[in-house]
C-alpha atoms as a PDB file:
ATOM      1  CA  MET A   1       5.632 -23.794  -7.944  1.00  0.00           C
ATOM      2  CA  LEU A   2       3.345 -23.746  -4.922  1.00  0.00           C
ATOM      3  CA  PHE A   3       4.693 -20.313  -3.992  1.00  0.00           C
ATOM      4  CA  LEU A   4       3.734 -18.964  -7.426  1.00  0.00           C
ATOM      5  CA  VAL A   5       0.186 -20.322  -7.144  1.00  0.00           C
ATOM      6  CA  VAL A   6      -0.264 -18.806  -3.681  1.00  0.00           C
ATOM      7  CA  LEU A   7       1.114 -15.489  -4.926  1.00  0.00           C
ATOM      8  CA  VAL A   8      -1.299 -15.393  -7.881  1.00  0.00           C
ATOM      9  CA  ILE A   9      -4.254 -16.238  -5.626  1.00  0.00           C
ATOM     10  CA  ALA A  10      -3.235 -13.509  -3.171  1.00  0.00           C
ATOM     11  CA  VAL A  11      -3.015 -10.933  -5.963  1.00  0.00           C
ATOM     12  CA  VAL A  12      -6.442 -11.935  -7.290  1.00  0.00           C
ATOM     13  CA  VAL A  13      -7.979 -11.663  -3.817  1.00  0.00           C
ATOM     14  CA  VAL A  14      -6.457  -8.210  -3.272  1.00  0.00           C
ATOM     15  CA  VAL A  15      -7.710  -6.976  -6.654  1.00  0.00           C
ATOM     16  CA  LEU A  16     -11.224  -8.264  -5.976  1.00  0.00           C
ATOM     17  CA  VAL A  17     -11.332  -6.671  -2.527  1.00  0.00           C
ATOM     18  CA  MET A  18     -10.136  -3.342  -3.939  1.00  0.00           C
ATOM     19  CA  ARG A  19     -12.770  -3.423  -6.706  1.00  0.00           C
ATOM     20  CA  ALA A  20     -15.520  -4.303  -4.231  1.00  0.00           C
ATOM     21  CA  ALA A  21     -14.520  -1.439  -1.948  1.00  0.00           C
ATOM     22  CA  ALA A  22     -14.573   1.034  -4.847  1.00  0.00           C
ATOM     23  CA  ALA A  23     -17.898  -0.145  -6.303  1.00  0.00           C
ATOM     24  CA  PRO A  24     -20.489   2.665  -6.490  1.00  0.00           C
ATOM     25  CA  GLY A  25     -23.802   2.204  -4.712  1.00  0.00           C
ATOM     26  CA  ARG A  26     -22.366   0.178  -1.882  1.00  0.00           C
ATOM     27  CA  PRO A  27     -22.344   1.460   1.682  1.00  0.00           C
ATOM     28  CA  GLY A  28     -18.858   2.360   2.779  1.00  0.00           C
ATOM     29  CA  GLY A  29     -17.453   2.353  -0.739  1.00  0.00           C
ATOM     30  CA  GLY A  30     -17.490   4.438  -3.858  1.00  0.00           C
ATOM     31  CA  THR A  31     -17.547   8.199  -3.643  1.00  0.00           C
ATOM     32  CA  ARG A  32     -16.479  10.033  -0.545  1.00  0.00           C
ATOM     33  CA  ALA A  33     -16.973  13.603   0.516  1.00  0.00           C
ATOM     34  CA  PRO A  34     -14.254  15.814  -0.967  1.00  0.00           C
ATOM     35  CA  ARG A  35     -11.471  16.927   1.316  1.00  0.00           C
ATOM     36  CA  PRO A  36     -11.439  20.523   2.429  1.00  0.00           C
ATOM     37  CA  PRO A  37      -8.738  22.477   0.593  1.00  0.00           C
ATOM     38  CA  ARG A  38      -5.441  22.867   2.394  1.00  0.00           C
ATOM     39  CA  SER A  39      -4.359  26.304   3.378  1.00  0.00           C
ATOM     40  CA  PRO A  40      -1.004  27.298   1.906  1.00  0.00           C
ATOM     41  CA  ARG A  41       1.923  26.828   4.257  1.00  0.00           C
ATOM     42  CA  GLN A  42       3.295  29.961   5.754  1.00  0.00           C
ATOM     43  CA  GLY A  43       7.032  30.523   5.760  1.00  0.00           C
ATOM     44  CA  PRO A  44       8.906  30.008   8.999  1.00  0.00           C
ATOM     45  CA  THR A  45       8.343  32.857  11.419  1.00  0.00           C
ATOM     46  CA  ARG A  46      11.266  31.912  13.601  1.00  0.00           C
ATOM     47  CA  PRO A  47      14.864  31.022  12.812  1.00  0.00           C
ATOM     48  CA  LEU A  48      15.458  27.401  11.924  1.00  0.00           C
ATOM     49  CA  ALA A  49      19.102  27.243  12.968  1.00  0.00           C
ATOM     50  CA  PRO A  50      21.338  29.274  15.305  1.00  0.00           C
ATOM     51  CA  ASP A  51      23.097  30.971  12.401  1.00  0.00           C
ATOM     52  CA  ASP A  52      19.695  32.294  11.208  1.00  0.00           C
ATOM     53  CA  ASP A  53      18.833  33.844  14.570  1.00  0.00           C
ATOM     54  CA  PRO A  54      19.673  37.585  14.697  1.00  0.00           C
ATOM     55  CA  GLU A  55      19.876  37.510  18.498  1.00  0.00           C
ATOM     56  CA  PHE A  56      22.394  34.665  18.387  1.00  0.00           C
ATOM     57  CA  LEU A  57      24.472  36.494  15.780  1.00  0.00           C
ATOM     58  CA  ARG A  58      24.503  39.683  17.906  1.00  0.00           C
ATOM     59  CA  GLU A  59      25.611  37.709  20.963  1.00  0.00           C
ATOM     60  CA  LEU A  60      28.318  35.974  18.941  1.00  0.00           C
ATOM     61  CA  GLU A  61      29.554  39.318  17.606  1.00  0.00           C
ATOM     62  CA  ARG A  62      29.574  40.768  21.132  1.00  0.00           C
ATOM     63  CA  ARG A  63      31.606  37.830  22.455  1.00  0.00           C
ATOM     64  CA  THR A  64      34.034  38.050  19.552  1.00  0.00           C
ATOM     65  CA  LYS A  65      34.575  41.792  20.065  1.00  0.00           C
ATOM     66  CA  ARG A  66      35.070  41.351  23.810  1.00  0.00           C
ATOM     67  CA  ASP A  67      37.932  38.880  23.311  1.00  0.00           C
ATOM     68  CA  ASP A  68      39.457  39.592  26.710  1.00  0.00           C
ATOM     69  CA  GLY A  69      39.914  35.936  27.616  1.00  0.00           C
ATOM     70  CA  SER A  70      37.172  35.768  30.271  1.00  0.00           C
ATOM     71  CA  PRO A  71      34.699  32.885  30.009  1.00  0.00           C
ATOM     72  CA  ALA A  72      31.339  33.640  28.487  1.00  0.00           C
END
């Protein structure tokens, strides 16, 4: 029972603090300056994985064609 009372008091305190922080006309609360708009994300300009990298694929193809048993 004591736990329930403490929980209710904690919730009330949190709600009151949140309302006080959002009250207009108070310093530090209320309206804030709007955020600057985000620029749209550009797509990746580089490969994300080795199988997306054209240079890696060319090297893999070259090694596969060589196939003479020598180490790479």
